[in-house]
């Protein structure tokens, strides 16, 4: 039975530049897609967030331009500026139509965002 599930991922950008944000986002999306064996037709929508220190580019541009996701709804917003939170973070939540269970999804955390998964918070 197919259902729509949330697939999470996060990474960090090396700098607040367009190229750094796009490179990091592209790498994250490619890893998420590969780890879960999905393609654009499976993705209902993608929500991106960035920490407030990343404002040189929209992460959604990586999905649209670099991956060619022309038919997928994309949105970007900023994270709540929590004191002492990890900086330069790009998060993605893919809403994926899948036959998999929640337990079968592989959430992807790369680079400086790997520590976010170990905090045990579902909001990070």
PDB file of N, CA and C in Angstrom:
ATOM      1  N   UNK A   1       0.844  -1.182   0.000  1.00  0.00           N
ATOM      2  CA  UNK A   1       0.000   0.000   0.000  1.00  0.00           C
ATOM      3  C   UNK A   1       0.888   1.245   0.000  1.00  0.00           C
ATOM      4  N   UNK A   2       0.693   2.101  -0.960  1.00  0.00           N
ATOM      5  CA  UNK A   2       1.493   3.310  -1.057  1.00  0.00           C
ATOM      6  C   UNK A   2       0.983   4.367  -0.074  1.00  0.00           C
ATOM      7  N   UNK A   3       1.941   5.072   0.525  1.00  0.00           N
ATOM      8  CA  UNK A   3       1.619   6.142   1.456  1.00  0.00           C
ATOM      9  C   UNK A   3       2.632   7.265   1.299  1.00  0.00           C
ATOM     10  N   UNK A   4       2.334   8.434   1.798  1.00  0.00           N
ATOM     11  CA  UNK A   4       3.257   9.565   1.746  1.00  0.00           C
ATOM     12  C   UNK A   4       3.948   9.676   3.097  1.00  0.00           C
ATOM     13  N   UNK A   5       5.288   9.563   3.084  1.00  0.00           N
ATOM     14  CA  UNK A   5       6.072   9.612   4.305  1.00  0.00           C
ATOM     15  C   UNK A   5       7.119  10.712   4.229  1.00  0.00           C
ATOM     16  N   UNK A   6       7.527  11.218   5.385  1.00  0.00           N
ATOM     17  CA  UNK A   6       8.560  12.236   5.461  1.00  0.00           C
ATOM     18  C   UNK A   6       9.935  11.613   5.560  1.00  0.00           C
ATOM     19  N   UNK A   7      10.816  12.040   4.676  1.00  0.00           N
ATOM     20  CA  UNK A   7      12.193  11.573   4.642  1.00  0.00           C
ATOM     21  C   UNK A   7      13.095  12.740   4.996  1.00  0.00           C
ATOM     22  N   UNK A   8      13.873  12.618   6.079  1.00  0.00           N
ATOM     23  CA  UNK A   8      14.676  13.724   6.581  1.00  0.00           C
ATOM     24  C   UNK A   8      16.131  13.605   6.176  1.00  0.00           C
ATOM     25  N   UNK A   9      16.756  14.774   6.068  1.00  0.00           N
ATOM     26  CA  UNK A   9      18.183  14.816   5.819  1.00  0.00           C
ATOM     27  C   UNK A   9      18.733  16.176   6.186  1.00  0.00           C
ATOM     28  N   UNK A  10      20.034  16.229   6.437  1.00  0.00           N
ATOM     29  CA  UNK A  10      20.689  17.499   6.755  1.00  0.00           C
ATOM     30  C   UNK A  10      22.164  17.404   6.405  1.00  0.00           C
ATOM     31  N   UNK A  11      22.740  18.564   6.148  1.00  0.00           N
ATOM     32  CA  UNK A  11      24.157  18.676   5.867  1.00  0.00           C
ATOM     33  C   UNK A  11      24.604  20.074   6.266  1.00  0.00           C
ATOM     34  N   UNK A  12      25.870  20.337   6.096  1.00  0.00           N
ATOM     35  CA  UNK A  12      26.373  21.686   6.334  1.00  0.00           C
ATOM     36  C   UNK A  12      27.043  22.196   5.070  1.00  0.00           C
ATOM     37  N   UNK A  13      26.954  23.506   4.882  1.00  0.00           N
ATOM     38  CA  UNK A  13      27.628  24.170   3.761  1.00  0.00           C
ATOM     39  C   UNK A  13      28.994  24.637   4.241  1.00  0.00           C
ATOM     40  N   UNK A  14      29.971  24.586   3.351  1.00  0.00           N
ATOM     41  CA  UNK A  14      31.337  24.992   3.705  1.00  0.00           C
ATOM     42  C   UNK A  14      31.486  26.501   3.841  1.00  0.00           C
ATOM     43  N   UNK A  15      30.565  27.257   3.236  1.00  0.00           N
ATOM     44  CA  UNK A  15      30.623  28.719   3.286  1.00  0.00           C
ATOM     45  C   UNK A  15      29.254  29.276   2.913  1.00  0.00           C
ATOM     46  N   UNK A  16      29.047  30.550   3.183  1.00  0.00           N
ATOM     47  CA  UNK A  16      27.807  31.214   2.797  1.00  0.00           C
ATOM     48  C   UNK A  16      27.970  31.789   1.388  1.00  0.00           C
ATOM     49  N   UNK A  17      28.105  30.885   0.431  1.00  0.00           N
ATOM     50  CA  UNK A  17      28.181  31.280  -0.978  1.00  0.00           C
ATOM     51  C   UNK A  17      27.164  30.456  -1.751  1.00  0.00           C
ATOM     52  N   UNK A  18      26.773  30.960  -2.897  1.00  0.00           N
ATOM     53  CA  UNK A  18      25.824  30.227  -3.736  1.00  0.00           C
ATOM     54  C   UNK A  18      26.354  28.843  -4.063  1.00  0.00           C
ATOM     55  N   UNK A  19      27.593  28.762  -4.521  1.00  0.00           N
ATOM     56  CA  UNK A  19      28.166  27.462  -4.895  1.00  0.00           C
ATOM     57  C   UNK A  19      28.213  26.496  -3.722  1.00  0.00           C
ATOM     58  N   UNK A  20      28.618  26.959  -2.558  1.00  0.00           N
ATOM     59  CA  UNK A  20      28.718  26.076  -1.388  1.00  0.00           C
ATOM     60  C   UNK A  20      27.345  25.547  -0.973  1.00  0.00           C
ATOM     61  N   UNK A  21      26.347  26.397  -1.000  1.00  0.00           N
ATOM     62  CA  UNK A  21      24.983  25.982  -0.635  1.00  0.00           C
ATOM     63  C   UNK A  21      24.432  24.999  -1.664  1.00  0.00           C
ATOM     64  N   UNK A  22      24.619  25.297  -2.939  1.00  0.00           N
ATOM     65  CA  UNK A  22      24.132  24.402  -3.989  1.00  0.00           C
ATOM     66  C   UNK A  22      24.868  23.070  -3.981  1.00  0.00           C
ATOM     67  N   UNK A  23      26.184  23.094  -3.799  1.00  0.00           N
ATOM     68  CA  UNK A  23      26.967  21.851  -3.742  1.00  0.00           C
ATOM     69  C   UNK A  23      26.506  20.967  -2.588  1.00  0.00           C
ATOM     70  N   UNK A  24      26.347  21.558  -1.418  1.00  0.00           N
ATOM     71  CA  UNK A  24      25.942  20.789  -0.239  1.00  0.00           C
ATOM     72  C   UNK A  24      24.530  20.221  -0.407  1.00  0.00           C
ATOM     73  N   UNK A  25      23.633  21.034  -0.936  1.00  0.00           N
ATOM     74  CA  UNK A  25      22.254  20.585  -1.127  1.00  0.00           C
ATOM     75  C   UNK A  25      22.177  19.485  -2.166  1.00  0.00           C
ATOM     76  N   UNK A  26      22.894  19.659  -3.269  1.00  0.00           N
ATOM     77  CA  UNK A  26      22.897  18.621  -4.305  1.00  0.00           C
ATOM     78  C   UNK A  26      23.418  17.297  -3.743  1.00  0.00           C
ATOM     79  N   UNK A  27      24.526  17.341  -3.010  1.00  0.00           N
ATOM     80  CA  UNK A  27      25.085  16.125  -2.418  1.00  0.00           C
ATOM     81  C   UNK A  27      24.066  15.467  -1.487  1.00  0.00           C
ATOM     82  N   UNK A  28      23.409  16.265  -0.646  1.00  0.00           N
ATOM     83  CA  UNK A  28      22.416  15.733   0.288  1.00  0.00           C
ATOM     84  C   UNK A  28      21.273  15.053  -0.456  1.00  0.00           C
ATOM     85  N   UNK A  29      20.709  15.727  -1.434  1.00  0.00           N
ATOM     86  CA  UNK A  29      19.579  15.155  -2.174  1.00  0.00           C
ATOM     87  C   UNK A  29      19.974  13.879  -2.910  1.00  0.00           C
ATOM     88  N   UNK A  30      21.138  13.885  -3.535  1.00  0.00           N
ATOM     89  CA  UNK A  30      21.590  12.679  -4.250  1.00  0.00           C
ATOM     90  C   UNK A  30      21.769  11.507  -3.280  1.00  0.00           C
ATOM     91  N   UNK A  31      22.307  11.774  -2.100  1.00  0.00           N
ATOM     92  CA  UNK A  31      22.477  10.717  -1.090  1.00  0.00           C
ATOM     93  C   UNK A  31      21.123  10.202  -0.599  1.00  0.00           C
ATOM     94  N   UNK A  32      20.180  11.109  -0.375  1.00  0.00           N
ATOM     95  CA  UNK A  32      18.847  10.711   0.093  1.00  0.00           C
ATOM     96  C   UNK A  32      18.142   9.840  -0.945  1.00  0.00           C
ATOM     97  N   UNK A  33      18.227  10.247  -2.208  1.00  0.00           N
ATOM     98  CA  UNK A  33      17.598   9.512  -3.301  1.00  0.00           C
ATOM     99  C   UNK A  33      18.238   8.129  -3.451  1.00  0.00           C
ATOM    100  N   UNK A  34      19.554   8.081  -3.433  1.00  0.00           N
ATOM    101  CA  UNK A  34      20.253   6.801  -3.596  1.00  0.00           C
ATOM    102  C   UNK A  34      19.984   5.853  -2.431  1.00  0.00           C
ATOM    103  N   UNK A  35      20.018   6.371  -1.219  1.00  0.00           N
ATOM    104  CA  UNK A  35      19.831   5.527  -0.033  1.00  0.00           C
ATOM    105  C   UNK A  35      18.426   4.941   0.054  1.00  0.00           C
ATOM    106  N   UNK A  36      17.473   5.615  -0.590  1.00  0.00           N
ATOM    107  CA  UNK A  36      16.075   5.178  -0.499  1.00  0.00           C
ATOM    108  C   UNK A  36      15.494   4.701  -1.821  1.00  0.00           C
ATOM    109  N   UNK A  37      16.342   4.651  -2.859  1.00  0.00           N
ATOM    110  CA  UNK A  37      15.924   4.159  -4.175  1.00  0.00           C
ATOM    111  C   UNK A  37      14.649   4.854  -4.674  1.00  0.00           C
ATOM    112  N   UNK A  38      14.700   6.179  -4.710  1.00  0.00           N
ATOM    113  CA  UNK A  38      13.557   6.961  -5.187  1.00  0.00           C
ATOM    114  C   UNK A  38      13.995   7.854  -6.338  1.00  0.00           C
ATOM    115  N   UNK A  39      13.014   8.347  -7.093  1.00  0.00           N
ATOM    116  CA  UNK A  39      13.292   9.358  -8.107  1.00  0.00           C
ATOM    117  C   UNK A  39      12.257  10.466  -7.994  1.00  0.00           C
ATOM    118  N   UNK A  40      12.367  11.464  -8.829  1.00  0.00           N
ATOM    119  CA  UNK A  40      11.499  12.638  -8.702  1.00  0.00           C
ATOM    120  C   UNK A  40      10.016  12.276  -8.716  1.00  0.00           C
ATOM    121  N   UNK A  41       9.626  11.301  -9.496  1.00  0.00           N
ATOM    122  CA  UNK A  41       8.198  10.954  -9.574  1.00  0.00           C
ATOM    123  C   UNK A  41       7.645  10.449  -8.243  1.00  0.00           C
ATOM    124  N   UNK A  42       8.511  10.007  -7.335  1.00  0.00           N
ATOM    125  CA  UNK A  42       8.085   9.559  -6.002  1.00  0.00           C
ATOM    126  C   UNK A  42       7.920  10.715  -5.016  1.00  0.00           C
ATOM    127  N   UNK A  43       8.495  11.873  -5.340  1.00  0.00           N
ATOM    128  CA  UNK A  43       8.565  12.989  -4.397  1.00  0.00           C
ATOM    129  C   UNK A  43       7.367  13.929  -4.598  1.00  0.00           C
ATOM    130  N   UNK A  44       6.561  14.076  -3.555  1.00  0.00           N
ATOM    131  CA  UNK A  44       5.402  14.971  -3.619  1.00  0.00           C
ATOM    132  C   UNK A  44       5.818  16.425  -3.418  1.00  0.00           C
ATOM    133  N   UNK A  45       6.758  16.662  -2.494  1.00  0.00           N
ATOM    134  CA  UNK A  45       7.208  18.027  -2.195  1.00  0.00           C
ATOM    135  C   UNK A  45       8.488  17.941  -1.368  1.00  0.00           C
ATOM    136  N   UNK A  46       9.242  19.043  -1.394  1.00  0.00           N
ATOM    137  CA  UNK A  46      10.454  19.132  -0.581  1.00  0.00           C
ATOM    138  C   UNK A  46      10.443  20.450   0.168  1.00  0.00           C
ATOM    139  N   UNK A  47      10.665  20.377   1.469  1.00  0.00           N
ATOM    140  CA  UNK A  47      10.809  21.559   2.312  1.00  0.00           C
ATOM    141  C   UNK A  47      12.269  21.645   2.728  1.00  0.00           C
ATOM    142  N   UNK A  48      12.884  22.792   2.459  1.00  0.00           N
ATOM    143  CA  UNK A  48      14.259  23.044   2.865  1.00  0.00           C
ATOM    144  C   UNK A  48      14.261  24.102   3.949  1.00  0.00           C
ATOM    145  N   UNK A  49      15.185  23.989   4.879  1.00  0.00           N
ATOM    146  CA  UNK A  49      15.442  25.074   5.819  1.00  0.00           C
ATOM    147  C   UNK A  49      16.946  25.297   5.866  1.00  0.00           C
ATOM    148  N   UNK A  50      17.300  26.522   6.220  1.00  0.00           N
ATOM    149  CA  UNK A  50      18.705  26.856   6.440  1.00  0.00           C
ATOM    150  C   UNK A  50      18.816  27.609   7.755  1.00  0.00           C
ATOM    151  N   UNK A  51      19.980  27.498   8.364  1.00  0.00           N
ATOM    152  CA  UNK A  51      20.246  28.329   9.530  1.00  0.00           C
ATOM    153  C   UNK A  51      20.413  29.768   9.034  1.00  0.00           C
ATOM    154  N   UNK A  52      20.241  30.732   9.927  1.00  0.00           N
ATOM    155  CA  UNK A  52      20.201  32.146   9.521  1.00  0.00           C
ATOM    156  C   UNK A  52      21.502  32.643   8.906  1.00  0.00           C
ATOM    157  N   UNK A  53      22.605  31.926   9.123  1.00  0.00           N
ATOM    158  CA  UNK A  53      23.892  32.349   8.555  1.00  0.00           C
ATOM    159  C   UNK A  53      24.039  31.969   7.082  1.00  0.00           C
ATOM    160  N   UNK A  54      23.106  31.199   6.541  1.00  0.00           N
ATOM    161  CA  UNK A  54      23.148  30.819   5.122  1.00  0.00           C
ATOM    162  C   UNK A  54      22.057  31.564   4.365  1.00  0.00           C
ATOM    163  N   UNK A  55      22.451  32.602   3.634  1.00  0.00           N
ATOM    164  CA  UNK A  55      21.457  33.384   2.897  1.00  0.00           C
ATOM    165  C   UNK A  55      21.918  33.772   1.494  1.00  0.00           C
ATOM    166  N   UNK A  56      22.984  33.134   0.993  1.00  0.00           N
ATOM    167  CA  UNK A  56      23.516  33.475  -0.326  1.00  0.00           C
ATOM    168  C   UNK A  56      22.754  32.808  -1.473  1.00  0.00           C
ATOM    169  N   UNK A  57      21.957  31.777  -1.166  1.00  0.00           N
ATOM    170  CA  UNK A  57      21.219  31.061  -2.217  1.00  0.00           C
ATOM    171  C   UNK A  57      20.105  30.244  -1.598  1.00  0.00           C
ATOM    172  N   UNK A  58      19.086  29.966  -2.396  1.00  0.00           N
ATOM    173  CA  UNK A  58      18.005  29.070  -1.982  1.00  0.00           C
ATOM    174  C   UNK A  58      18.432  27.625  -2.242  1.00  0.00           C
ATOM    175  N   UNK A  59      18.377  26.742  -1.251  1.00  0.00           N
ATOM    176  CA  UNK A  59      18.709  25.334  -1.498  1.00  0.00           C
ATOM    177  C   UNK A  59      17.833  24.705  -2.587  1.00  0.00           C
ATOM    178  N   UNK A  60      16.612  25.172  -2.726  1.00  0.00           N
ATOM    179  CA  UNK A  60      15.709  24.626  -3.742  1.00  0.00           C
ATOM    180  C   UNK A  60      16.271  24.749  -5.155  1.00  0.00           C
ATOM    181  N   UNK A  61      17.138  25.724  -5.378  1.00  0.00           N
ATOM    182  CA  UNK A  61      17.748  25.890  -6.699  1.00  0.00           C
ATOM    183  C   UNK A  61      18.540  24.636  -7.077  1.00  0.00           C
ATOM    184  N   UNK A  62      19.164  23.985  -6.119  1.00  0.00           N
ATOM    185  CA  UNK A  62      19.918  22.763  -6.411  1.00  0.00           C
ATOM    186  C   UNK A  62      18.986  21.672  -6.935  1.00  0.00           C
ATOM    187  N   UNK A  63      17.820  21.526  -6.324  1.00  0.00           N
ATOM    188  CA  UNK A  63      16.862  20.522  -6.788  1.00  0.00           C
ATOM    189  C   UNK A  63      16.360  20.862  -8.184  1.00  0.00           C
ATOM    190  N   UNK A  64      16.018  22.100  -8.386  1.00  0.00           N
ATOM    191  CA  UNK A  64      15.429  22.518  -9.655  1.00  0.00           C
ATOM    192  C   UNK A  64      16.457  22.492 -10.791  1.00  0.00           C
ATOM    193  N   UNK A  65      17.614  23.111 -10.567  1.00  0.00           N
ATOM    194  CA  UNK A  65      18.592  23.295 -11.642  1.00  0.00           C
ATOM    195  C   UNK A  65      19.551  22.110 -11.769  1.00  0.00           C
ATOM    196  N   UNK A  66      20.103  21.659 -10.670  1.00  0.00           N
ATOM    197  CA  UNK A  66      21.129  20.607 -10.748  1.00  0.00           C
ATOM    198  C   UNK A  66      20.555  19.197 -10.874  1.00  0.00           C
ATOM    199  N   UNK A  67      19.391  18.950 -10.253  1.00  0.00           N
ATOM    200  CA  UNK A  67      18.779  17.629 -10.361  1.00  0.00           C
ATOM    201  C   UNK A  67      17.661  17.601 -11.392  1.00  0.00           C
ATOM    202  N   UNK A  68      17.232  18.772 -11.853  1.00  0.00           N
ATOM    203  CA  UNK A  68      16.190  18.836 -12.870  1.00  0.00           C
ATOM    204  C   UNK A  68      14.796  18.543 -12.369  1.00  0.00           C
ATOM    205  N   UNK A  69      14.563  18.758 -11.073  1.00  0.00           N
ATOM    206  CA  UNK A  69      13.244  18.487 -10.504  1.00  0.00           C
ATOM    207  C   UNK A  69      12.294  19.635 -10.854  1.00  0.00           C
ATOM    208  N   UNK A  70      11.774  19.610 -12.062  1.00  0.00           N
ATOM    209  CA  UNK A  70      10.920  20.669 -12.584  1.00  0.00           C
ATOM    210  C   UNK A  70       9.464  20.545 -12.142  1.00  0.00           C
ATOM    211  N   UNK A  71       9.031  19.351 -11.777  1.00  0.00           N
ATOM    212  CA  UNK A  71       7.615  19.142 -11.461  1.00  0.00           C
ATOM    213  C   UNK A  71       7.332  18.921  -9.978  1.00  0.00           C
ATOM    214  N   UNK A  72       8.334  19.140  -9.149  1.00  0.00           N
ATOM    215  CA  UNK A  72       8.178  18.918  -7.714  1.00  0.00           C
ATOM    216  C   UNK A  72       8.027  20.245  -6.984  1.00  0.00           C
ATOM    217  N   UNK A  73       7.074  20.327  -6.077  1.00  0.00           N
ATOM    218  CA  UNK A  73       6.893  21.523  -5.256  1.00  0.00           C
ATOM    219  C   UNK A  73       8.060  21.657  -4.287  1.00  0.00           C
ATOM    220  N   UNK A  74       8.683  22.841  -4.276  1.00  0.00           N
ATOM    221  CA  UNK A  74       9.844  23.103  -3.432  1.00  0.00           C
ATOM    222  C   UNK A  74       9.609  24.365  -2.617  1.00  0.00           C
ATOM    223  N   UNK A  75      10.066  24.362  -1.371  1.00  0.00           N
ATOM    224  CA  UNK A  75       9.933  25.542  -0.523  1.00  0.00           C
ATOM    225  C   UNK A  75      11.132  25.631   0.411  1.00  0.00           C
ATOM    226  N   UNK A  76      11.587  26.860   0.666  1.00  0.00           N
ATOM    227  CA  UNK A  76      12.711  27.094   1.576  1.00  0.00           C
ATOM    228  C   UNK A  76      12.295  28.090   2.648  1.00  0.00           C
ATOM    229  N   UNK A  77      12.745  27.845   3.876  1.00  0.00           N
ATOM    230  CA  UNK A  77      12.534  28.807   4.959  1.00  0.00           C
ATOM    231  C   UNK A  77      13.750  28.773   5.879  1.00  0.00           C
ATOM    232  N   UNK A  78      13.766  29.681   6.852  1.00  0.00           N
ATOM    233  CA  UNK A  78      14.873  29.729   7.804  1.00  0.00           C
ATOM    234  C   UNK A  78      14.500  29.005   9.087  1.00  0.00           C
ATOM    235  N   UNK A  79      15.525  28.427   9.704  1.00  0.00           N
ATOM    236  CA  UNK A  79      15.369  27.766  10.997  1.00  0.00           C
ATOM    237  C   UNK A  79      15.197  28.812  12.095  1.00  0.00           C
ATOM    238  N   UNK A  80      14.647  28.388  13.201  1.00  0.00           N
ATOM    239  CA  UNK A  80      14.598  29.218  14.396  1.00  0.00           C
ATOM    240  C   UNK A  80      16.040  29.409  14.874  1.00  0.00           C
ATOM    241  N   UNK A  81      16.454  30.643  15.159  1.00  0.00           N
ATOM    242  CA  UNK A  81      17.844  30.882  15.566  1.00  0.00           C
ATOM    243  C   UNK A  81      18.112  30.506  17.031  1.00  0.00           C
ATOM    244  N   UNK A  82      18.167  29.234  17.309  1.00  0.00           N
ATOM    245  CA  UNK A  82      18.386  28.724  18.654  1.00  0.00           C
ATOM    246  C   UNK A  82      19.841  28.998  19.062  1.00  0.00           C
ATOM    247  N   UNK A  83      20.055  29.582  20.238  1.00  0.00           N
ATOM    248  CA  UNK A  83      21.430  29.841  20.685  1.00  0.00           C
ATOM    249  C   UNK A  83      22.259  28.551  20.734  1.00  0.00           C
ATOM    250  N   UNK A  84      23.495  28.650  20.292  1.00  0.00           N
ATOM    251  CA  UNK A  84      24.451  27.546  20.312  1.00  0.00           C
ATOM    252  C   UNK A  84      24.087  26.371  19.403  1.00  0.00           C
ATOM    253  N   UNK A  85      23.145  26.568  18.485  1.00  0.00           N
ATOM    254  CA  UNK A  85      22.812  25.502  17.532  1.00  0.00           C
ATOM    255  C   UNK A  85      23.925  25.391  16.494  1.00  0.00           C
ATOM    256  N   UNK A  86      24.004  24.248  15.860  1.00  0.00           N
ATOM    257  CA  UNK A  86      24.989  24.035  14.804  1.00  0.00           C
ATOM    258  C   UNK A  86      24.770  25.049  13.690  1.00  0.00           C
ATOM    259  N   UNK A  87      25.854  25.640  13.208  1.00  0.00           N
ATOM    260  CA  UNK A  87      25.783  26.666  12.162  1.00  0.00           C
ATOM    261  C   UNK A  87      25.887  26.045  10.770  1.00  0.00           C
ATOM    262  N   UNK A  88      25.487  26.824   9.789  1.00  0.00           N
ATOM    263  CA  UNK A  88      25.629  26.483   8.358  1.00  0.00           C
ATOM    264  C   UNK A  88      24.903  25.197   7.966  1.00  0.00           C
ATOM    265  N   UNK A  89      23.756  24.967   8.557  1.00  0.00           N
ATOM    266  CA  UNK A  89      23.013  23.728   8.324  1.00  0.00           C
ATOM    267  C   UNK A  89      21.922  23.931   7.274  1.00  0.00           C
ATOM    268  N   UNK A  90      21.848  22.974   6.377  1.00  0.00           N
ATOM    269  CA  UNK A  90      20.765  22.875   5.392  1.00  0.00           C
ATOM    270  C   UNK A  90      20.009  21.595   5.722  1.00  0.00           C
ATOM    271  N   UNK A  91      18.709  21.725   5.934  1.00  0.00           N
ATOM    272  CA  UNK A  91      17.872  20.559   6.200  1.00  0.00           C
ATOM    273  C   UNK A  91      16.905  20.370   5.037  1.00  0.00           C
ATOM    274  N   UNK A  92      16.540  19.121   4.800  1.00  0.00           N
ATOM    275  CA  UNK A  92      15.555  18.815   3.765  1.00  0.00           C
ATOM    276  C   UNK A  92      14.567  17.804   4.315  1.00  0.00           C
ATOM    277  N   UNK A  93      13.300  18.022   4.010  1.00  0.00           N
ATOM    278  CA  UNK A  93      12.250  17.058   4.317  1.00  0.00           C
ATOM    279  C   UNK A  93      11.551  16.748   3.000  1.00  0.00           C
ATOM    280  N   UNK A  94      11.766  15.541   2.515  1.00  0.00           N
ATOM    281  CA  UNK A  94      11.103  15.090   1.301  1.00  0.00           C
ATOM    282  C   UNK A  94       9.835  14.364   1.695  1.00  0.00           C
ATOM    283  N   UNK A  95       8.722  14.744   1.107  1.00  0.00           N
ATOM    284  CA  UNK A  95       7.484  13.996   1.270  1.00  0.00           C
ATOM    285  C   UNK A  95       7.439  13.018   0.106  1.00  0.00           C
ATOM    286  N   UNK A  96       7.558  11.725   0.431  1.00  0.00           N
ATOM    287  CA  UNK A  96       7.782  10.691  -0.573  1.00  0.00           C
ATOM    288  C   UNK A  96       6.616   9.714  -0.613  1.00  0.00           C
ATOM    289  N   UNK A  97       6.108   9.465  -1.809  1.00  0.00           N
ATOM    290  CA  UNK A  97       5.094   8.428  -2.006  1.00  0.00           C
ATOM    291  C   UNK A  97       5.830   7.102  -2.141  1.00  0.00           C
ATOM    292  N   UNK A  98       5.541   6.176  -1.216  1.00  0.00           N
ATOM    293  CA  UNK A  98       6.320   4.948  -1.154  1.00  0.00           C
ATOM    294  C   UNK A  98       5.500   3.790  -0.603  1.00  0.00           C
ATOM    295  N   UNK A  99       5.939   2.597  -0.915  1.00  0.00           N
ATOM    296  CA  UNK A  99       5.372   1.387  -0.323  1.00  0.00           C
ATOM    297  C   UNK A  99       6.155   0.966   0.916  1.00  0.00           C
ATOM    298  N   UNK A 100       7.251   1.667   1.204  1.00  0.00           N
ATOM    299  CA  UNK A 100       8.089   1.343   2.356  1.00  0.00           C
ATOM    300  C   UNK A 100       7.399   1.746   3.660  1.00  0.00           C
ATOM    301  N   UNK A 101       7.849   1.141   4.745  1.00  0.00           N
ATOM    302  CA  UNK A 101       7.377   1.552   6.072  1.00  0.00           C
ATOM    303  C   UNK A 101       8.295   2.662   6.578  1.00  0.00           C
ATOM    304  N   UNK A 102       7.875   3.349   7.613  1.00  0.00           N
ATOM    305  CA  UNK A 102       8.715   4.387   8.215  1.00  0.00           C
ATOM    306  C   UNK A 102      10.062   3.815   8.653  1.00  0.00           C
ATOM    307  N   UNK A 103      10.034   2.608   9.152  1.00  0.00           N
ATOM    308  CA  UNK A 103      11.251   1.974   9.640  1.00  0.00           C
ATOM    309  C   UNK A 103      12.242   1.653   8.518  1.00  0.00           C
ATOM    310  N   UNK A 104      11.754   1.535   7.300  1.00  0.00           N
ATOM    311  CA  UNK A 104      12.617   1.202   6.166  1.00  0.00           C
ATOM    312  C   UNK A 104      13.273   2.421   5.531  1.00  0.00           C
ATOM    313  N   UNK A 105      12.819   3.621   5.869  1.00  0.00           N
ATOM    314  CA  UNK A 105      13.410   4.832   5.292  1.00  0.00           C
ATOM    315  C   UNK A 105      14.793   5.080   5.881  1.00  0.00           C
ATOM    316  N   UNK A 106      15.688   5.571   5.046  1.00  0.00           N
ATOM    317  CA  UNK A 106      17.048   5.901   5.476  1.00  0.00           C
ATOM    318  C   UNK A 106      17.179   7.415   5.494  1.00  0.00           C
ATOM    319  N   UNK A 107      17.228   7.998   6.688  1.00  0.00           N
ATOM    320  CA  UNK A 107      17.415   9.432   6.845  1.00  0.00           C
ATOM    321  C   UNK A 107      18.909   9.714   6.736  1.00  0.00           C
ATOM    322  N   UNK A 108      19.271  10.788   6.052  1.00  0.00           N
ATOM    323  CA  UNK A 108      20.670  11.039   5.703  1.00  0.00           C
ATOM    324  C   UNK A 108      21.178  12.305   6.392  1.00  0.00           C
ATOM    325  N   UNK A 109      22.271  12.159   7.117  1.00  0.00           N
ATOM    326  CA  UNK A 109      22.928  13.288   7.786  1.00  0.00           C
ATOM    327  C   UNK A 109      24.389  13.288   7.383  1.00  0.00           C
ATOM    328  N   UNK A 110      24.839  14.375   6.783  1.00  0.00           N
ATOM    329  CA  UNK A 110      26.191  14.472   6.242  1.00  0.00           C
ATOM    330  C   UNK A 110      26.996  15.567   6.929  1.00  0.00           C
ATOM    331  N   UNK A 111      28.299  15.452   6.801  1.00  0.00           N
ATOM    332  CA  UNK A 111      29.252  16.459   7.256  1.00  0.00           C
ATOM    333  C   UNK A 111      28.954  16.905   8.687  1.00  0.00           C
ATOM    334  N   UNK A 112      28.918  18.204   8.946  1.00  0.00           N
ATOM    335  CA  UNK A 112      28.711  18.718  10.290  1.00  0.00           C
ATOM    336  C   UNK A 112      27.331  18.467  10.858  1.00  0.00           C
ATOM    337  N   UNK A 113      26.409  17.980  10.030  1.00  0.00           N
ATOM    338  CA  UNK A 113      25.050  17.698  10.501  1.00  0.00           C
ATOM    339  C   UNK A 113      24.911  16.297  11.093  1.00  0.00           C
ATOM    340  N   UNK A 114      25.938  15.478  11.001  1.00  0.00           N
ATOM    341  CA  UNK A 114      25.862  14.121  11.560  1.00  0.00           C
ATOM    342  C   UNK A 114      25.523  14.153  13.045  1.00  0.00           C
ATOM    343  N   UNK A 115      26.035  15.147  13.759  1.00  0.00           N
ATOM    344  CA  UNK A 115      25.779  15.247  15.194  1.00  0.00           C
ATOM    345  C   UNK A 115      24.314  15.546  15.503  1.00  0.00           C
ATOM    346  N   UNK A 116      23.574  16.118  14.574  1.00  0.00           N
ATOM    347  CA  UNK A 116      22.171  16.447  14.817  1.00  0.00           C
ATOM    348  C   UNK A 116      21.344  15.191  15.056  1.00  0.00           C
ATOM    349  N   UNK A 117      21.662  14.138  14.344  1.00  0.00           N
ATOM    350  CA  UNK A 117      20.924  12.890  14.485  1.00  0.00           C
ATOM    351  C   UNK A 117      21.133  12.271  15.856  1.00  0.00           C
ATOM    352  N   UNK A 118      22.302  12.467  16.432  1.00  0.00           N
ATOM    353  CA  UNK A 118      22.605  11.853  17.723  1.00  0.00           C
ATOM    354  C   UNK A 118      21.976  12.606  18.902  1.00  0.00           C
ATOM    355  N   UNK A 119      21.440  13.777  18.655  1.00  0.00           N
ATOM    356  CA  UNK A 119      20.826  14.557  19.756  1.00  0.00           C
ATOM    357  C   UNK A 119      19.496  13.986  20.192  1.00  0.00           C
ATOM    358  N   UNK A 120      18.881  13.150  19.351  1.00  0.00           N
ATOM    359  CA  UNK A 120      17.638  12.508  19.726  1.00  0.00           C
ATOM    360  C   UNK A 120      16.409  13.385  19.580  1.00  0.00           C
ATOM    361  N   UNK A 121      16.550  14.544  18.971  1.00  0.00           N
ATOM    362  CA  UNK A 121      15.407  15.428  18.798  1.00  0.00           C
ATOM    363  C   UNK A 121      14.842  15.257  17.399  1.00  0.00           C
ATOM    364  N   UNK A 122      13.527  15.134  17.297  1.00  0.00           N
ATOM    365  CA  UNK A 122      12.911  14.989  15.980  1.00  0.00           C
ATOM    366  C   UNK A 122      12.845  16.307  15.242  1.00  0.00           C
ATOM    367  N   UNK A 123      13.084  17.421  15.918  1.00  0.00           N
ATOM    368  CA  UNK A 123      13.018  18.723  15.267  1.00  0.00           C
ATOM    369  C   UNK A 123      14.361  19.137  14.683  1.00  0.00           C
ATOM    370  N   UNK A 124      15.380  18.359  14.881  1.00  0.00           N
ATOM    371  CA  UNK A 124      16.705  18.730  14.387  1.00  0.00           C
ATOM    372  C   UNK A 124      17.078  17.896  13.223  1.00  0.00           C
TER     373      UNK A 124
END
